[in-house]
Amino acid sequence: METLDEVRQTITIQLTTDDSDTRSQYLNHFGHQVAEFSDAMSRAFLEWRALDGQLGKDERKAYVSALIYCAVALHILSMKLFLSGHTVPAGNLYRQVAETIALACLCSAKNLDILDRFMQDKYSTNDALRDAVRHAKRLQLNADAIEVLRRTRDFYHEFSHPSQLMIATHMSFSDGNVVLGASFDSGKLEEYRKEVASRVNLAKVFGNLVSGIRSNISRWKE
């Protein structure tokens, strides 16, 4: 059993240092996927820049642009946390990514009142993915991409509440020990592959989603 000083030192290290060894293990396995992710999110960022540069002083468009930027930034941060060995907070953020980009899609629609309700704090953002799936045709966005968002939200919902999945993330499958802080567990490599693939797949449709939002906004004056 550890002493108080040993536990205190472990916690202090977790709070004050960056675990580069853990990140290196992830990068050794997923370096190629990280490059794909970076390329796709760079394209999405430039799509957002193009949209943001056409806003003028339109407050409503600025809200949509801000949502897109938040989704892009959160997706990058979620991947960074995952590669740093913090899988639970990475999962929580990933769920927010899906909800935020879905909300941006909804707010871009000319024939829906969701943007006005959101600006008035009268729209439950928890419904964004459900509503995006429901209105996919009206949004003129790729229904498959919207479905990817919905599945993402449903899976990572488990990270936001006490669950067996949450417990598993704090147990090492390779040596049976409990995990405190950042970690790479070779016994979870197959699950890591699924998570990385999910993030990369979403990154690859991000640019198309932003382009679709931009197209929707261009029709507001029609």
Protein backbone atom coordinates (compact mmCIF):
# COMPACT_ATOMS: atom_id res chain seq x y z
CA MET A 1 0.00 0.00 0.00
CA GLU A 2 1.28 3.44 -0.92
CA THR A 3 2.18 6.06 1.66
CA LEU A 4 0.51 9.47 1.76
CA ASP A 5 3.67 11.08 0.37
CA GLU A 6 3.81 8.63 -2.54
CA VAL A 7 0.18 9.24 -3.48
CA ARG A 8 0.61 13.00 -3.13
CA GLN A 9 3.64 12.89 -5.42
CA THR A 10 1.76 10.84 -8.02
CA ILE A 11 -1.15 13.28 -8.05
CA THR A 12 1.13 16.31 -8.18
CA ILE A 13 2.94 14.84 -11.19
CA GLN A 14 -0.39 14.29 -12.94
CA LEU A 15 -1.41 17.89 -12.26
CA THR A 16 1.84 19.61 -13.20
CA THR A 17 3.53 17.62 -15.97
CA ASP A 18 2.86 16.44 -19.51
CA ASP A 19 3.25 12.71 -20.08
CA SER A 20 5.27 12.69 -23.30
CA ASP A 21 6.01 8.96 -23.01
CA THR A 22 2.30 8.14 -23.10
CA ARG A 23 1.76 10.38 -26.12
CA SER A 24 4.70 8.76 -27.89
CA GLN A 25 3.10 5.34 -27.52
CA TYR A 26 -0.11 6.58 -29.15
CA LEU A 27 1.83 8.26 -31.95
CA ASN A 28 3.86 5.12 -32.60
CA HIS A 29 0.61 3.30 -33.36
CA PHE A 30 -1.44 6.10 -34.93
CA GLY A 31 1.01 8.52 -36.53
CA HIS A 32 -0.47 7.98 -40.02
CA GLN A 33 -4.02 8.57 -38.78
CA VAL A 34 -2.92 11.73 -36.98
CA ALA A 35 -1.54 13.06 -40.26
CA GLU A 36 -4.88 12.30 -41.98
CA PHE A 37 -6.75 14.00 -39.16
CA SER A 38 -4.54 17.09 -39.34
CA ASP A 39 -4.98 17.38 -43.10
CA ALA A 40 -8.77 17.02 -42.94
CA MET A 41 -9.16 19.50 -40.10
CA SER A 42 -6.89 21.99 -41.88
CA ARG A 43 -9.27 21.87 -44.84
CA ALA A 44 -12.25 22.30 -42.53
CA PHE A 45 -10.58 25.29 -40.88
CA LEU A 46 -10.04 26.96 -44.25
CA GLU A 47 -13.69 26.32 -45.16
CA TRP A 48 -14.63 28.10 -41.93
CA ARG A 49 -12.26 30.98 -42.76
CA ALA A 50 -13.97 31.42 -46.12
CA LEU A 51 -17.37 31.55 -44.44
CA ASP A 52 -16.22 33.83 -41.63
CA GLY A 53 -14.75 36.30 -44.11
CA GLN A 54 -18.18 36.87 -45.67
CA LEU A 55 -20.12 37.72 -42.51
CA GLY A 56 -19.97 41.49 -42.58
CA LYS A 57 -21.80 42.76 -39.51
CA ASP A 58 -24.55 40.13 -39.59
CA GLU A 59 -25.01 38.95 -35.99
CA ARG A 60 -27.00 35.87 -36.93
CA LYS A 61 -24.32 34.65 -39.33
CA ALA A 62 -21.71 35.37 -36.66
CA TYR A 63 -23.46 32.94 -34.33
CA VAL A 64 -23.29 30.19 -36.94
CA SER A 65 -19.64 30.94 -37.64
CA ALA A 66 -18.83 30.82 -33.93
CA LEU A 67 -20.47 27.41 -33.61
CA ILE A 68 -18.43 26.04 -36.50
CA TYR A 69 -15.20 27.41 -35.05
CA CYS A 70 -15.99 25.88 -31.65
CA ALA A 71 -16.68 22.51 -33.27
CA VAL A 72 -13.38 22.61 -35.17
CA ALA A 73 -11.41 23.68 -32.09
CA LEU A 74 -13.08 21.09 -29.85
CA HIS A 75 -12.46 18.28 -32.33
CA ILE A 76 -8.76 19.11 -32.43
CA LEU A 77 -8.61 19.34 -28.63
CA SER A 78 -10.49 16.07 -28.24
CA MET A 79 -7.95 14.29 -30.44
CA LYS A 80 -5.09 15.90 -28.51
CA LEU A 81 -6.53 14.70 -25.19
CA PHE A 82 -7.00 11.21 -26.59
CA LEU A 83 -3.41 11.05 -27.84
CA SER A 84 -2.29 12.32 -24.43
CA GLY A 85 -3.93 9.33 -22.74
CA HIS A 86 -6.95 11.16 -21.31
CA THR A 87 -9.66 9.08 -22.94
CA VAL A 88 -12.62 10.05 -20.73
CA PRO A 89 -12.38 13.85 -21.15
CA ALA A 90 -11.55 13.24 -24.81
CA GLY A 91 -14.80 11.31 -25.14
CA ASN A 92 -16.78 14.04 -23.39
CA LEU A 93 -15.41 16.65 -25.78
CA TYR A 94 -16.05 14.42 -28.78
CA ARG A 95 -19.72 14.31 -27.88
CA GLN A 96 -19.75 18.13 -27.74
CA VAL A 97 -18.13 18.26 -31.18
CA ALA A 98 -20.94 16.21 -32.69
CA GLU A 99 -23.64 18.29 -31.00
CA THR A 100 -22.01 21.61 -31.89
CA ILE A 101 -21.52 20.96 -35.60
CA ALA A 102 -25.05 19.53 -35.78
CA LEU A 103 -26.36 22.71 -34.15
CA ALA A 104 -24.43 24.81 -36.66
CA CYS A 105 -26.08 22.86 -39.47
CA LEU A 106 -29.52 23.48 -38.00
CA CYS A 107 -28.84 27.17 -37.43
CA SER A 108 -27.82 27.58 -41.07
CA ALA A 109 -31.25 26.53 -42.34
CA LYS A 110 -33.34 29.34 -43.78
CA ASN A 111 -36.65 27.60 -43.11
CA LEU A 112 -36.07 26.63 -39.47
CA ASP A 113 -36.34 28.84 -36.39
CA ILE A 114 -33.61 27.08 -34.41
CA LEU A 115 -31.03 29.87 -34.75
CA ASP A 116 -33.46 32.44 -33.32
CA ARG A 117 -34.38 30.09 -30.48
CA PHE A 118 -30.71 29.38 -29.78
CA MET A 119 -29.86 33.10 -29.68
CA GLN A 120 -32.71 33.61 -27.22
CA ASP A 121 -31.48 30.67 -25.12
CA LYS A 122 -34.75 28.84 -25.80
CA TYR A 123 -33.39 25.80 -27.65
CA SER A 124 -32.11 22.67 -25.93
CA THR A 125 -28.83 21.86 -27.65
CA ASN A 126 -29.19 18.28 -26.42
CA ASP A 127 -31.73 17.91 -29.23
CA ALA A 128 -29.39 19.13 -31.98
CA LEU A 129 -28.35 15.73 -33.31
CA ARG A 130 -31.87 14.36 -33.17
CA ASP A 131 -33.16 17.40 -35.05
CA ALA A 132 -30.31 17.36 -37.57
CA VAL A 133 -31.15 13.75 -38.46
CA ARG A 134 -34.83 14.66 -38.66
CA HIS A 135 -34.23 17.68 -40.93
CA ALA A 136 -31.33 16.31 -42.99
CA LYS A 137 -33.15 16.76 -46.30
CA ARG A 138 -34.27 20.30 -45.49
CA LEU A 139 -30.72 21.15 -44.51
CA GLN A 140 -29.52 19.77 -47.87
CA LEU A 141 -26.63 18.12 -46.08
CA ASN A 142 -25.21 14.64 -46.42
CA ALA A 143 -27.55 12.38 -44.44
CA ASP A 144 -24.78 9.82 -43.91
CA ALA A 145 -22.59 12.48 -42.30
CA ILE A 146 -25.42 13.50 -39.99
CA GLU A 147 -25.91 9.85 -39.06
CA VAL A 148 -22.20 9.59 -38.21
CA LEU A 149 -22.68 12.49 -35.82
CA ARG A 150 -25.66 10.83 -34.18
CA ARG A 151 -23.83 7.55 -33.64
CA THR A 152 -20.87 9.45 -32.25
CA ARG A 153 -23.04 11.26 -29.73
CA ASP A 154 -24.80 8.07 -28.65
CA PHE A 155 -21.57 6.16 -28.06
CA TYR A 156 -19.75 8.92 -26.22
CA HIS A 157 -22.81 9.66 -24.12
CA GLU A 158 -21.52 6.78 -21.98
CA PHE A 159 -18.46 8.85 -21.06
CA SER A 160 -20.65 11.59 -19.59
CA HIS A 161 -22.26 9.43 -16.92
CA PRO A 162 -21.18 6.72 -14.48
CA SER A 163 -21.12 3.47 -16.48
CA GLN A 164 -19.22 0.22 -16.98
CA LEU A 165 -17.43 1.86 -19.91
CA MET A 166 -16.22 4.66 -17.67
CA ILE A 167 -14.95 2.14 -15.10
CA ALA A 168 -13.13 0.20 -17.82
CA THR A 169 -11.19 3.28 -18.88
CA HIS A 170 -9.66 3.45 -15.41
CA MET A 171 -8.58 -0.20 -15.34
CA SER A 172 -5.54 -1.55 -17.16
CA PHE A 173 -6.44 -4.55 -19.33
CA SER A 174 -2.78 -5.48 -19.75
CA ASP A 175 -1.72 -5.72 -16.09
CA GLY A 176 -4.95 -5.45 -14.07
CA ASN A 177 -3.93 -2.31 -12.18
CA VAL A 178 -6.02 0.82 -11.70
CA VAL A 179 -5.11 3.86 -13.79
CA LEU A 180 -4.66 7.35 -12.40
CA GLY A 181 -4.18 10.05 -15.00
CA ALA A 182 -2.84 9.65 -18.52
CA SER A 183 -2.24 6.14 -19.78
CA PHE A 184 -1.65 3.91 -22.77
CA ASP A 185 -2.95 0.36 -22.33
CA SER A 186 -1.80 -2.19 -24.91
CA GLY A 187 -4.75 -4.35 -23.86
CA LYS A 188 -7.12 -1.72 -25.27
CA LEU A 189 -5.36 -1.25 -28.59
CA GLU A 190 -8.30 -2.52 -30.65
CA GLU A 191 -10.63 -0.04 -28.92
CA TYR A 192 -8.11 2.73 -29.48
CA ARG A 193 -8.11 1.89 -33.19
CA LYS A 194 -11.90 2.25 -33.31
CA GLU A 195 -11.79 5.60 -31.53
CA VAL A 196 -9.06 7.00 -33.75
CA ALA A 197 -10.89 5.80 -36.87
CA SER A 198 -14.08 7.48 -35.67
CA ARG A 199 -12.31 10.79 -35.12
CA VAL A 200 -10.57 10.63 -38.49
CA ASN A 201 -13.81 9.74 -40.30
CA LEU A 202 -15.58 12.69 -38.72
CA ALA A 203 -12.67 14.97 -39.61
CA LYS A 204 -12.96 13.88 -43.24
CA VAL A 205 -16.61 15.01 -43.48
CA PHE A 206 -16.10 18.20 -41.48
CA GLY A 207 -15.12 20.26 -44.51
CA ASN A 208 -18.18 19.08 -46.43
CA LEU A 209 -20.43 19.96 -43.50
CA VAL A 210 -18.95 23.45 -43.26
CA SER A 211 -19.28 23.89 -47.02
CA GLY A 212 -22.92 22.85 -46.78
CA ILE A 213 -23.53 25.33 -43.97
CA ARG A 214 -21.91 28.06 -46.05
CA SER A 215 -24.18 27.18 -48.97
CA ASN A 216 -27.25 27.30 -46.74
CA ILE A 217 -26.31 30.73 -45.41
CA SER A 218 -25.85 32.06 -48.95
CA ARG A 219 -29.55 31.35 -49.56
CA TRP A 220 -30.82 33.43 -46.63
CA LYS A 221 -31.61 36.42 -48.88
CA GLU A 222 -33.35 34.40 -51.58
